[in-house]
Amino acid sequence: MPTTHTKILSLESLASKAEELRQQGKRIVLCHGTFDLLHIGHIRHLQNARKEGDVLITTVTGDSYVNKGPGRPVFAEHLRSENLAALACVDFVAINQALTAINIISLVKPHAYIKGQEYKSDKDDLTGNIALERDAVEQHGGELIFTEDITFSSSSLLNENFGIFSAETKEYLQKIRKKYDDSGLIQKLKSLSRLKVMVIGDAIIDEYHYTTLLGQAGKGSHQSVKYESKEQFAGGALAVANHLAGFVESVTLVTGLGKGANHEGFIRSKLKENVIPQFHYFDDSPTIVKLRFVDGDLNKLFEVYDYNEQPTLEDAGGELCSWLESNTQNFDIVITPDFGNGFISQNMIKVLCDKSRFLAVNTQVNSGNRGYHVINHYPRADFISLNGPELRLATHNRYDPLEGLAEKVAKNLDAKYLAVTLGSKGALLLDREENTAHTIPVLSTVVLDRVGAGDSFLSLASLCLGAGLPSDIGLFVGSAAAALDVQIVCNREPISPVSLYKYITTLLK
């Protein structure tokens, strides 16, 4: 009788075993999933699957491909495999290092591929993978079968019992589940696809220079490092446009590049296909590059800025202002990630404030603008997103409660909404139309890199609020996007709809 460990095979061995079983005339059944917390629903599903044939093969998604948000999977791939192999109804187990089961189906060529009833409706399939998997099964002469039995949510059990979230976060999630269900919320987000969106702001290339820390230099008190490699990312307004591109049919991007060292080829290669760039060129400045030197844990050692603090656009921006005068009102939402590095002029601000149907603004305070770049030089905005220090600088107030300061800034700029992101303490959102203030604890459980998290929050919160969704939804969706973003190195990839939808499902189960 096979033992638990002899049931676990490599993919190569699994392919050979499946061929051997077919030669013996055995009917092969395949199940695939995450199986992060093995529960009675899984067991009955697998027992029912076993009845559909002579041999049950079960594959699990590898750790790096589990797409259910921060902190998942809770159990490592080898433990999940062992759990499955311990079941009498399961004959063989393998780990699949891929997003879907399509490669496994091609290897095994099952007579029956078994999924749970929760995948029966195409509208409930967030990824569209079930249809692709059905095609793969039928291509090899098999059939897709759905089991119908008791169902449980692994996400719900893990959220409640495994300490993934703090007590504060669990309490928040319990409250929001009473107002919104995951499928309804996801449908609301999908309905935003036809919105016309413009992003206008600084184009930034983020360069990460990876180093190994050697220790204190032999002479002097500074640290020495060994240089390893570098990586470039499309940041600033480029990142915001890419985040949005997954959720709407097209994004118009208006930004500035240098005439000489413009990096235009690299930038175009990194923009999503449905981002429509409108580049304007500086006469006397390169495209902004921020060089960050980091150690092996992505701790920032120091930064170098390659830019001109006061660049001059061609035609002093007159042509761009004319275009904005004529076209801004044609967009449902205008999002302005203003990093204060010289692209957005006061004349542009006036046009954007006068003409935008819904204007979302973030004015970032950073070392490049020396802390002088605050929200007050905008006369108005519909949605303002700031972090805590940016809000305090705008109000010249170091100690008073943030909610009162947010109310002051929002009133001065006649803003409908003002969000304050607070890092590990979550965020708050002031809704002046409803006269309410919503708070949310941090939704991230794993933090790899915080660079870019504010941009993802701005992108998704602006989309929700600009579309007229309730403000607590805007806060929740923006925070969920930020929680996903801190797992990504800089802007290596944008927030994808599938990742966000699956994380929303994980949170609201």
Protein backbone atom coordinates (compact mmCIF):
# COMPACT_ATOMS: atom_id res chain seq x y z
CA MET A 1 0.00 0.00 0.00
CA PRO A 2 1.45 3.40 -0.98
CA THR A 3 2.52 5.66 1.87
CA THR A 4 1.91 9.38 2.13
CA HIS A 5 5.34 10.26 0.75
CA THR A 6 5.34 7.69 -2.06
CA LYS A 7 2.10 9.24 -3.34
CA ILE A 8 3.82 12.62 -3.91
CA LEU A 9 5.41 12.73 -7.37
CA SER A 10 7.31 15.21 -9.49
CA LEU A 11 5.51 16.42 -12.60
CA GLU A 12 7.81 14.29 -14.76
CA SER A 13 7.02 11.17 -12.71
CA LEU A 14 3.32 12.06 -12.71
CA ALA A 15 3.26 12.20 -16.52
CA SER A 16 4.89 8.74 -16.72
CA LYS A 17 2.49 7.33 -14.11
CA ALA A 18 -0.54 8.72 -15.95
CA GLU A 19 0.62 7.15 -19.23
CA GLU A 20 1.15 3.82 -17.46
CA LEU A 21 -2.37 3.98 -15.98
CA ARG A 22 -3.92 4.75 -19.37
CA GLN A 23 -2.12 1.75 -20.87
CA GLN A 24 -3.72 -0.35 -18.13
CA GLY A 25 -7.15 0.91 -19.14
CA LYS A 26 -7.67 2.90 -15.93
CA ARG A 27 -10.07 5.86 -15.88
CA ILE A 28 -8.05 8.84 -14.56
CA VAL A 29 -9.65 11.62 -12.53
CA LEU A 30 -7.88 14.95 -11.86
CA CYS A 31 -8.55 17.58 -9.18
CA HIS A 32 -6.60 20.80 -8.79
CA GLY A 33 -6.62 23.63 -6.25
CA THR A 34 -4.83 25.50 -3.48
CA PHE A 35 -6.12 23.40 -0.55
CA ASP A 36 -4.59 25.86 1.90
CA LEU A 37 -6.70 24.59 4.78
CA LEU A 38 -7.97 21.07 4.17
CA HIS A 39 -11.55 20.89 5.46
CA ILE A 40 -14.65 18.67 5.20
CA GLY A 41 -15.75 20.43 2.01
CA HIS A 42 -12.47 19.50 0.31
CA ILE A 43 -12.64 15.92 1.61
CA ARG A 44 -16.17 15.33 0.31
CA HIS A 45 -15.21 16.95 -2.99
CA LEU A 46 -12.26 14.57 -3.35
CA GLN A 47 -14.28 11.54 -2.25
CA ASN A 48 -16.95 12.32 -4.84
CA ALA A 49 -14.26 12.88 -7.46
CA ARG A 50 -12.77 9.45 -6.74
CA LYS A 51 -16.12 7.85 -7.58
CA GLU A 52 -15.81 9.20 -11.14
CA GLY A 53 -12.93 6.87 -12.02
CA ASP A 54 -10.31 4.34 -10.99
CA VAL A 55 -7.47 6.68 -9.99
CA LEU A 56 -7.59 10.17 -8.42
CA ILE A 57 -4.68 12.52 -9.10
CA THR A 58 -4.68 15.77 -7.13
CA THR A 59 -2.39 18.72 -7.82
CA VAL A 60 -1.80 21.79 -5.67
CA THR A 61 -0.82 25.29 -6.73
CA GLY A 62 2.77 26.15 -5.80
CA ASP A 63 3.33 28.82 -3.15
CA SER A 64 4.49 31.54 -5.53
CA TYR A 65 1.40 31.12 -7.73
CA VAL A 66 -1.27 31.28 -5.03
CA ASN A 67 -3.14 34.42 -6.01
CA LYS A 68 -5.27 35.08 -2.94
CA GLY A 69 -3.59 38.12 -1.45
CA PRO A 70 -1.07 38.85 1.32
CA GLY A 71 -0.43 36.08 3.82
CA ARG A 72 -1.59 33.30 1.53
CA PRO A 73 -0.93 30.48 1.41
CA VAL A 74 -0.81 29.95 5.16
CA PHE A 75 0.54 26.43 4.67
CA ALA A 76 3.54 25.78 2.44
CA GLU A 77 3.18 23.68 -0.70
CA HIS A 78 4.90 20.62 0.76
CA LEU A 79 2.55 20.60 3.78
CA ARG A 80 -0.51 20.99 1.56
CA SER A 81 0.72 18.09 -0.56
CA GLU A 82 1.24 15.88 2.47
CA ASN A 83 -2.27 16.63 3.73
CA LEU A 84 -3.76 15.49 0.44
CA ALA A 85 -1.55 12.42 0.16
CA ALA A 86 -2.71 11.29 3.62
CA LEU A 87 -6.29 10.87 2.31
CA ALA A 88 -7.27 7.33 1.28
CA CYS A 89 -9.28 8.61 -1.69
CA VAL A 90 -6.25 10.36 -3.23
CA ASP A 91 -3.87 8.12 -5.21
CA PHE A 92 -1.19 10.60 -6.35
CA VAL A 93 -0.25 14.21 -5.61
CA ALA A 94 1.98 16.74 -7.38
CA ILE A 95 2.82 20.43 -7.00
CA ASN A 96 2.04 22.62 -9.99
CA GLN A 97 4.28 25.68 -10.43
CA ALA A 98 1.85 27.56 -12.65
CA LEU A 99 -1.18 29.85 -12.39
CA THR A 100 -3.60 27.36 -13.96
CA ALA A 101 -4.02 23.61 -14.32
CA ILE A 102 -3.76 23.70 -18.12
CA ASN A 103 -0.20 22.31 -18.16
CA ILE A 104 -1.21 19.54 -15.74
CA ILE A 105 -4.21 18.63 -17.90
CA SER A 106 -1.89 18.32 -20.91
CA LEU A 107 0.47 16.09 -18.92
CA VAL A 108 -2.12 13.83 -17.30
CA LYS A 109 -4.83 13.85 -20.03
CA PRO A 110 -7.54 12.97 -17.49
CA HIS A 111 -10.77 11.28 -18.46
CA ALA A 112 -12.52 13.54 -15.94
CA TYR A 113 -11.50 16.91 -14.50
CA ILE A 114 -13.44 17.66 -11.31
CA LYS A 115 -14.24 21.10 -9.92
CA GLY A 116 -16.48 22.22 -7.06
CA GLN A 117 -19.95 23.63 -7.65
CA GLU A 118 -18.73 27.17 -6.83
CA TYR A 119 -17.04 27.14 -10.27
CA LYS A 120 -20.12 26.00 -12.16
CA SER A 121 -21.29 29.51 -13.10
CA ASP A 122 -19.05 31.29 -15.60
CA LYS A 123 -19.91 34.67 -14.07
CA ASP A 124 -18.40 33.56 -10.76
CA ASP A 125 -15.09 32.63 -12.40
CA LEU A 126 -12.89 35.68 -11.76
CA THR A 127 -9.98 34.44 -13.86
CA GLY A 128 -11.68 32.95 -16.91
CA ASN A 129 -9.45 29.92 -16.39
CA ILE A 130 -12.25 27.38 -16.03
CA ALA A 131 -13.26 27.85 -19.66
CA LEU A 132 -9.64 27.42 -20.73
CA GLU A 133 -9.28 24.33 -18.55
CA ARG A 134 -12.51 22.87 -19.98
CA ASP A 135 -11.12 23.34 -23.49
CA ALA A 136 -7.87 21.62 -22.49
CA VAL A 137 -9.74 18.65 -20.97
CA GLU A 138 -12.03 18.22 -23.98
CA GLN A 139 -9.09 18.52 -26.36
CA HIS A 140 -7.77 15.29 -24.84
CA GLY A 141 -11.15 13.56 -24.92
CA GLY A 142 -12.03 14.17 -21.26
CA GLU A 143 -14.97 15.86 -19.55
CA LEU A 144 -15.40 18.56 -16.92
CA ILE A 145 -17.58 17.48 -13.99
CA PHE A 146 -18.79 19.56 -11.04
CA THR A 147 -19.33 18.01 -7.62
CA GLU A 148 -22.25 19.13 -5.49
CA ASP A 149 -21.92 18.76 -1.75
CA ILE A 150 -21.38 20.81 1.40
CA THR A 151 -19.08 23.77 0.82
CA PHE A 152 -16.87 25.71 3.18
CA SER A 153 -14.62 28.67 2.59
CA SER A 154 -10.95 28.10 3.40
CA SER A 155 -10.46 31.87 3.35
CA SER A 156 -13.19 32.39 5.92
CA LEU A 157 -11.80 29.71 8.25
CA LEU A 158 -8.24 31.02 7.89
CA ASN A 159 -9.27 34.64 8.39
CA GLU A 160 -11.14 33.84 11.58
CA ASN A 161 -8.94 31.23 13.21
CA PHE A 162 -5.34 31.51 12.08
CA GLY A 163 -4.30 34.98 13.22
CA ILE A 164 -3.69 36.26 9.69
CA PHE A 165 -5.19 39.61 10.61
CA SER A 166 -5.08 41.71 13.75
CA ALA A 167 -8.14 41.93 16.00
CA GLU A 168 -8.75 45.44 14.65
CA THR A 169 -8.68 44.26 11.05
CA LYS A 170 -10.94 41.28 11.79
CA GLU A 171 -13.47 43.61 13.44
CA TYR A 172 -13.37 45.93 10.42
CA LEU A 173 -13.87 43.04 7.98
CA GLN A 174 -16.84 41.75 9.96
CA LYS A 175 -18.50 45.15 9.65
CA ILE A 176 -17.89 45.59 5.93
CA ARG A 177 -19.10 42.04 5.18
CA LYS A 178 -22.48 43.05 6.59
CA LYS A 179 -22.74 45.81 3.95
CA TYR A 180 -21.11 44.24 0.90
CA ASP A 181 -20.56 40.77 -0.52
CA ASP A 182 -17.57 39.96 -2.68
CA SER A 183 -19.42 39.13 -5.91
CA GLY A 184 -21.56 42.27 -5.75
CA LEU A 185 -18.56 44.48 -5.07
CA ILE A 186 -16.55 42.90 -7.88
CA GLN A 187 -19.43 43.46 -10.31
CA LYS A 188 -19.46 47.14 -9.32
CA LEU A 189 -15.75 47.37 -10.15
CA LYS A 190 -16.20 45.60 -13.47
CA SER A 191 -18.92 48.09 -14.40
CA LEU A 192 -16.35 50.92 -14.34
CA SER A 193 -14.58 49.69 -17.47
CA ARG A 194 -16.14 52.26 -19.83
CA LEU A 195 -15.06 55.29 -17.83
CA LYS A 196 -12.84 57.74 -19.69
CA VAL A 197 -9.78 58.44 -17.56
CA MET A 198 -6.88 60.84 -17.94
CA VAL A 199 -3.69 60.68 -15.86
CA ILE A 200 -1.49 63.77 -15.88
CA GLY A 201 1.70 64.04 -13.87
CA ASP A 202 5.43 63.46 -13.65
CA ALA A 203 6.99 60.54 -15.52
CA ILE A 204 9.58 58.93 -13.27
CA ILE A 205 11.96 56.08 -13.90
CA ASP A 206 12.79 54.29 -10.68
CA GLU A 207 16.14 52.52 -10.74
CA TYR A 208 16.97 49.97 -8.05
CA HIS A 209 20.67 49.31 -7.65
CA TYR A 210 20.98 46.08 -5.70
CA THR A 211 23.96 45.76 -3.38
CA THR A 212 25.40 43.50 -0.72
CA LEU A 213 26.37 45.31 2.47
CA LEU A 214 30.00 44.67 3.35
CA GLY A 215 30.15 46.68 6.56
CA GLN A 216 31.99 49.74 7.76
CA ALA A 217 34.76 50.97 5.54
CA GLY A 218 38.33 50.56 6.74
CA LYS A 219 38.81 54.30 6.68
CA GLY A 220 36.03 56.61 7.82
CA SER A 221 32.62 55.87 9.32
CA HIS A 222 30.67 55.15 6.14
CA GLN A 223 29.40 51.74 5.00
CA SER A 224 30.78 49.83 2.03
CA VAL A 225 28.71 47.73 -0.36
CA LYS A 226 29.34 45.31 -3.20
CA TYR A 227 27.43 46.28 -6.33
CA GLU A 228 25.29 43.45 -7.73
CA SER A 229 22.83 44.61 -10.41
CA LYS A 230 20.20 47.16 -11.34
CA GLU A 231 16.56 47.12 -12.41
CA GLN A 232 14.41 49.86 -13.93
CA PHE A 233 10.72 50.50 -13.31
CA ALA A 234 8.12 52.83 -14.82
CA GLY A 235 7.07 55.00 -11.88
CA GLY A 236 5.19 58.19 -11.07
CA ALA A 237 2.31 58.92 -13.46
CA LEU A 238 3.42 55.96 -15.60
CA ALA A 239 2.68 53.56 -12.72
CA VAL A 240 -0.71 55.15 -12.02
CA ALA A 241 -1.71 54.81 -15.69
CA ASN A 242 -0.65 51.14 -15.69
CA HIS A 243 -2.66 50.39 -12.54
CA LEU A 244 -5.78 51.90 -14.09
CA ALA A 245 -5.28 50.22 -17.47
CA GLY A 246 -6.45 46.88 -16.12
CA PHE A 247 -9.79 48.31 -15.01
CA VAL A 248 -10.85 50.61 -17.86
CA GLU A 249 -10.80 50.25 -21.64
CA SER A 250 -8.21 52.97 -22.14
CA VAL A 251 -6.19 55.53 -20.20
CA THR A 252 -4.89 58.78 -21.65
CA LEU A 253 -1.51 59.61 -20.12
CA VAL A 254 -0.16 63.18 -20.28
CA THR A 255 3.38 63.57 -19.04
CA GLY A 256 6.77 65.17 -19.65
CA LEU A 257 10.02 63.65 -20.91
CA GLY A 258 13.47 65.06 -21.52
CA LYS A 259 14.49 65.87 -25.10
CA GLY A 260 17.87 64.24 -24.82
CA ALA A 261 17.98 61.49 -22.20
CA ASN A 262 14.29 60.80 -22.53
CA HIS A 263 14.17 56.98 -22.03
CA GLU A 264 11.13 57.04 -24.29
CA GLY A 265 11.74 53.59 -25.74
CA PHE A 266 11.93 52.01 -22.30
CA ILE A 267 8.83 53.89 -21.13
CA ARG A 268 6.76 52.83 -24.15
CA SER A 269 7.81 49.22 -23.61
CA LYS A 270 6.58 49.33 -20.01
CA LEU A 271 3.21 50.99 -20.64
CA LYS A 272 0.16 48.73 -20.95
CA GLU A 273 -1.24 48.42 -24.47
CA ASN A 274 -4.36 50.43 -23.65
CA VAL A 275 -2.42 53.39 -22.20
CA ILE A 276 -2.44 56.20 -24.77
CA PRO A 277 0.62 58.37 -24.08
CA GLN A 278 0.82 62.04 -24.91
CA PHE A 279 4.42 63.06 -24.31
CA HIS A 280 5.59 66.64 -23.96
CA TYR A 281 9.28 67.46 -23.87
CA PHE A 282 11.50 69.54 -21.61
CA ASP A 283 13.99 71.81 -23.32
CA ASP A 284 16.49 71.70 -20.48
CA SER A 285 15.92 68.57 -18.42
CA PRO A 286 16.28 64.80 -18.72
CA THR A 287 13.40 62.47 -18.00
CA ILE A 288 13.38 62.16 -14.20
CA VAL A 289 15.34 59.19 -12.91
CA LYS A 290 15.46 58.25 -9.23
CA LEU A 291 18.35 55.93 -8.44
CA ARG A 292 17.80 53.97 -5.22
CA PHE A 293 20.65 51.95 -3.78
CA VAL A 294 19.27 49.07 -1.71
CA ASP A 295 20.64 46.17 0.28
CA GLY A 296 19.60 42.53 0.04
CA ASP A 297 16.48 43.18 2.16
CA LEU A 298 15.45 46.13 -0.06
CA ASN A 299 16.35 48.62 2.66
CA LYS A 300 17.09 51.96 1.01
CA LEU A 301 20.71 53.04 1.59
CA PHE A 302 20.53 56.34 -0.30
CA GLU A 303 18.95 57.96 -3.39
CA VAL A 304 20.30 59.97 -6.31
CA TYR A 305 17.99 62.22 -8.36
CA ASP A 306 18.75 62.92 -12.03
CA TYR A 307 16.49 65.86 -12.88
CA ASN A 308 16.16 69.63 -13.20
CA GLU A 309 14.30 71.27 -10.34
CA GLN A 310 12.78 73.88 -12.64
CA PRO A 311 12.47 72.39 -16.12
CA THR A 312 10.99 74.30 -19.05
CA LEU A 313 8.49 72.69 -21.39
CA GLU A 314 8.50 73.37 -25.09
CA ASP A 315 6.45 76.45 -25.82
CA ALA A 316 6.47 77.04 -22.05
CA GLY A 317 3.57 74.61 -21.80
CA GLY A 318 1.28 76.81 -23.89
CA GLU A 319 0.39 74.08 -26.37
CA LEU A 320 -0.37 71.66 -23.55
CA CYS A 321 -2.56 74.19 -21.73
CA SER A 322 -4.54 74.74 -24.94
CA TRP A 323 -5.03 70.99 -25.33
CA LEU A 324 -6.18 70.72 -21.71
CA GLU A 325 -8.61 73.60 -22.22
CA SER A 326 -10.23 71.74 -25.12
CA ASN A 327 -10.13 68.15 -23.88
CA THR A 328 -10.15 67.90 -20.08
CA GLN A 329 -13.93 68.05 -19.79
CA ASN A 330 -14.23 65.03 -22.10
CA PHE A 331 -12.89 62.72 -19.37
CA ASP A 332 -15.01 61.28 -16.59
CA ILE A 333 -12.06 61.26 -14.18
CA VAL A 334 -8.79 63.19 -14.18
CA ILE A 335 -6.10 61.86 -11.84
CA THR A 336 -3.10 64.02 -11.05
CA PRO A 337 -0.16 62.34 -9.29
CA ASP A 338 1.84 65.54 -8.84
CA PHE A 339 5.33 64.73 -7.54
CA GLY A 340 6.40 68.36 -7.60
CA ASN A 341 9.25 67.82 -10.04
CA GLY A 342 8.30 70.56 -12.46
CA PHE A 343 5.96 69.10 -15.07
CA ILE A 344 2.65 70.47 -13.80
CA SER A 345 2.64 74.26 -13.95
CA GLN A 346 0.32 76.64 -12.17
CA ASN A 347 -1.38 77.38 -15.50
CA MET A 348 -2.07 73.67 -15.99
CA ILE A 349 -3.45 73.44 -12.46
CA LYS A 350 -5.88 76.28 -13.19
CA VAL A 351 -7.19 74.53 -16.31
CA LEU A 352 -7.49 71.16 -14.56
CA CYS A 353 -9.38 72.70 -11.65
CA ASP A 354 -11.70 74.65 -13.96
CA LYS A 355 -12.41 71.96 -16.53
CA SER A 356 -12.27 68.56 -14.79
CA ARG A 357 -15.57 66.79 -14.18
CA PHE A 358 -13.93 64.85 -11.34
CA LEU A 359 -10.40 65.80 -10.28
CA ALA A 360 -8.32 63.54 -8.01
CA VAL A 361 -5.00 64.91 -6.77
CA ASN A 362 -2.01 63.75 -4.79
CA THR A 363 0.77 66.25 -4.12
CA GLN A 364 3.71 64.26 -2.89
CA VAL A 365 6.26 65.72 -0.53
CA ASN A 366 9.66 64.19 -1.23
CA SER A 367 13.34 65.00 -1.08
CA GLY A 368 13.26 66.12 -4.71
CA ASN A 369 10.86 68.98 -4.00
CA ARG A 370 12.41 69.63 -0.56
CA GLY A 371 9.08 69.50 1.24
CA TYR A 372 7.70 72.68 -0.33
CA HIS A 373 5.19 70.89 -2.55
CA VAL A 374 1.90 70.90 -0.65
CA ILE A 375 -1.72 70.63 -1.76
CA ASN A 376 -2.52 74.29 -1.11
CA HIS A 377 -1.42 75.47 -4.55
CA TYR A 378 -4.46 73.67 -5.98
CA PRO A 379 -7.54 75.90 -5.68
CA ARG A 380 -9.89 72.90 -5.69
CA ALA A 381 -10.16 69.15 -6.15
CA ASP A 382 -12.92 66.58 -5.84
CA PHE A 383 -10.70 63.95 -4.19
CA ILE A 384 -7.44 64.57 -2.38
CA SER A 385 -5.13 61.75 -1.28
CA LEU A 386 -2.28 62.58 1.10
CA ASN A 387 -0.22 60.76 3.68
CA GLY A 388 -0.06 61.96 7.28
CA PRO A 389 3.10 64.10 6.97
CA GLU A 390 1.82 65.71 3.74
CA LEU A 391 -1.39 66.71 5.50
CA ARG A 392 0.49 68.13 8.49
CA LEU A 393 2.81 70.16 6.25
CA ALA A 394 -0.17 71.56 4.35
CA THR A 395 -1.75 72.74 7.60
CA HIS A 396 1.49 73.67 9.41
CA ASN A 397 0.22 71.54 12.27
CA ARG A 398 2.34 68.86 13.89
CA TYR A 399 0.16 67.55 16.70
CA ASP A 400 -3.61 68.03 16.26
CA PRO A 401 -5.81 65.04 15.29
CA LEU A 402 -5.64 64.25 11.57
CA GLU A 403 -9.39 64.14 11.05
CA GLY A 404 -9.77 67.80 12.01
CA LEU A 405 -6.84 68.77 9.77
CA ALA A 406 -8.36 66.79 6.91
CA GLU A 407 -11.65 68.64 7.36
CA LYS A 408 -9.81 71.97 7.22
CA VAL A 409 -7.96 71.15 3.97
CA ALA A 410 -11.02 69.60 2.34
CA LYS A 411 -13.12 72.66 3.16
CA ASN A 412 -10.48 75.07 1.84
CA LEU A 413 -10.28 73.19 -1.47
CA ASP A 414 -14.01 72.41 -1.61
CA ALA A 415 -13.15 68.70 -1.85
CA LYS A 416 -15.86 66.06 -1.64
CA TYR A 417 -13.42 63.48 -0.32
CA LEU A 418 -10.04 63.55 1.38
CA ALA A 419 -8.06 60.42 2.20
CA VAL A 420 -5.12 60.23 4.58
CA THR A 421 -2.93 57.15 4.23
CA LEU A 422 -1.18 56.16 7.44
CA GLY A 423 1.16 53.31 6.53
CA SER A 424 0.97 50.50 9.08
CA LYS A 425 -1.97 52.27 10.79
CA GLY A 426 -4.26 52.03 7.75
CA ALA A 427 -6.09 55.04 6.34
CA LEU A 428 -9.03 57.36 6.86
CA LEU A 429 -11.35 58.94 4.34
CA LEU A 430 -13.41 62.05 4.94
CA ASP A 431 -16.69 62.17 3.02
CA ARG A 432 -17.95 65.75 3.18
CA GLU A 433 -21.07 64.99 1.15
CA GLU A 434 -22.22 62.40 3.68
CA ASN A 435 -20.56 64.20 6.60
CA THR A 436 -18.81 61.00 7.67
CA ALA A 437 -15.27 59.85 8.31
CA HIS A 438 -14.39 56.24 7.50
CA THR A 439 -11.34 54.50 8.91
CA ILE A 440 -9.70 51.28 7.83
CA PRO A 441 -6.90 49.31 9.49
CA VAL A 442 -4.01 48.03 7.42
CA LEU A 443 -5.01 45.12 5.16
CA SER A 444 -1.48 43.97 4.32
CA THR A 445 0.10 41.08 6.18
CA VAL A 446 3.32 40.92 4.17
CA VAL A 447 5.43 43.97 3.27
CA LEU A 448 8.21 43.62 0.72
CA ASP A 449 8.49 47.19 -0.58
CA ARG A 450 6.38 50.25 0.25
CA VAL A 451 7.44 52.26 -2.82
CA GLY A 452 4.41 52.77 -5.06
CA ALA A 453 1.73 51.77 -2.53
CA GLY A 454 0.36 55.32 -2.39
CA ASP A 455 0.07 55.38 -6.19
CA SER A 456 -1.99 52.19 -6.24
CA PHE A 457 -4.26 53.56 -3.49
CA LEU A 458 -4.74 56.81 -5.43
CA SER A 459 -5.49 54.92 -8.65
CA LEU A 460 -8.19 52.57 -7.39
CA ALA A 461 -9.77 54.90 -4.82
CA SER A 462 -10.03 57.66 -7.45
CA LEU A 463 -11.68 55.28 -9.91
CA CYS A 464 -14.29 54.22 -7.35
CA LEU A 465 -15.05 57.69 -6.01
CA GLY A 466 -15.05 59.30 -9.45
CA ALA A 467 -17.63 56.73 -10.58
CA GLY A 468 -19.90 57.62 -7.67
CA LEU A 469 -19.44 54.44 -5.63
CA PRO A 470 -19.89 54.82 -1.85
CA SER A 471 -16.88 56.32 -0.13
CA ASP A 472 -16.33 53.31 2.14
CA ILE A 473 -15.99 51.17 -0.99
CA GLY A 474 -13.40 53.59 -2.38
CA LEU A 475 -11.44 53.38 0.86
CA PHE A 476 -11.67 49.58 1.01
CA VAL A 477 -10.72 48.98 -2.63
CA GLY A 478 -7.87 51.50 -2.53
CA SER A 479 -6.51 49.93 0.66
CA ALA A 480 -6.78 46.40 -0.78
CA ALA A 481 -4.81 47.56 -3.84
CA ALA A 482 -2.13 49.08 -1.59
CA ALA A 483 -1.94 45.82 0.40
CA LEU A 484 -1.20 43.95 -2.82
CA ASP A 485 1.27 46.60 -3.96
CA VAL A 486 3.55 46.32 -0.91
CA GLN A 487 4.23 42.73 -1.96
CA ILE A 488 5.65 43.96 -5.29
CA VAL A 489 9.16 45.35 -5.69
CA CYS A 490 8.69 49.01 -6.65
CA ASN A 491 6.51 49.13 -9.81
CA ARG A 492 7.66 45.82 -11.29
CA GLU A 493 4.06 45.07 -12.23
CA PRO A 494 0.74 46.90 -11.89
CA ILE A 495 -2.19 45.78 -9.78
CA SER A 496 -4.15 43.33 -11.92
CA PRO A 497 -7.95 43.01 -11.77
CA VAL A 498 -7.75 39.27 -11.10
CA SER A 499 -5.36 39.75 -8.15
CA LEU A 500 -7.53 42.51 -6.69
CA TYR A 501 -10.79 40.61 -7.18
CA LYS A 502 -9.38 37.46 -5.62
CA TYR A 503 -8.05 39.41 -2.65
CA ILE A 504 -11.41 41.12 -2.18
CA THR A 505 -12.98 37.64 -2.20
CA THR A 506 -10.42 36.45 0.35
CA LEU A 507 -11.12 39.41 2.63
CA LEU A 508 -14.90 39.25 2.45
CA LYS A 509 -15.34 35.49 2.90
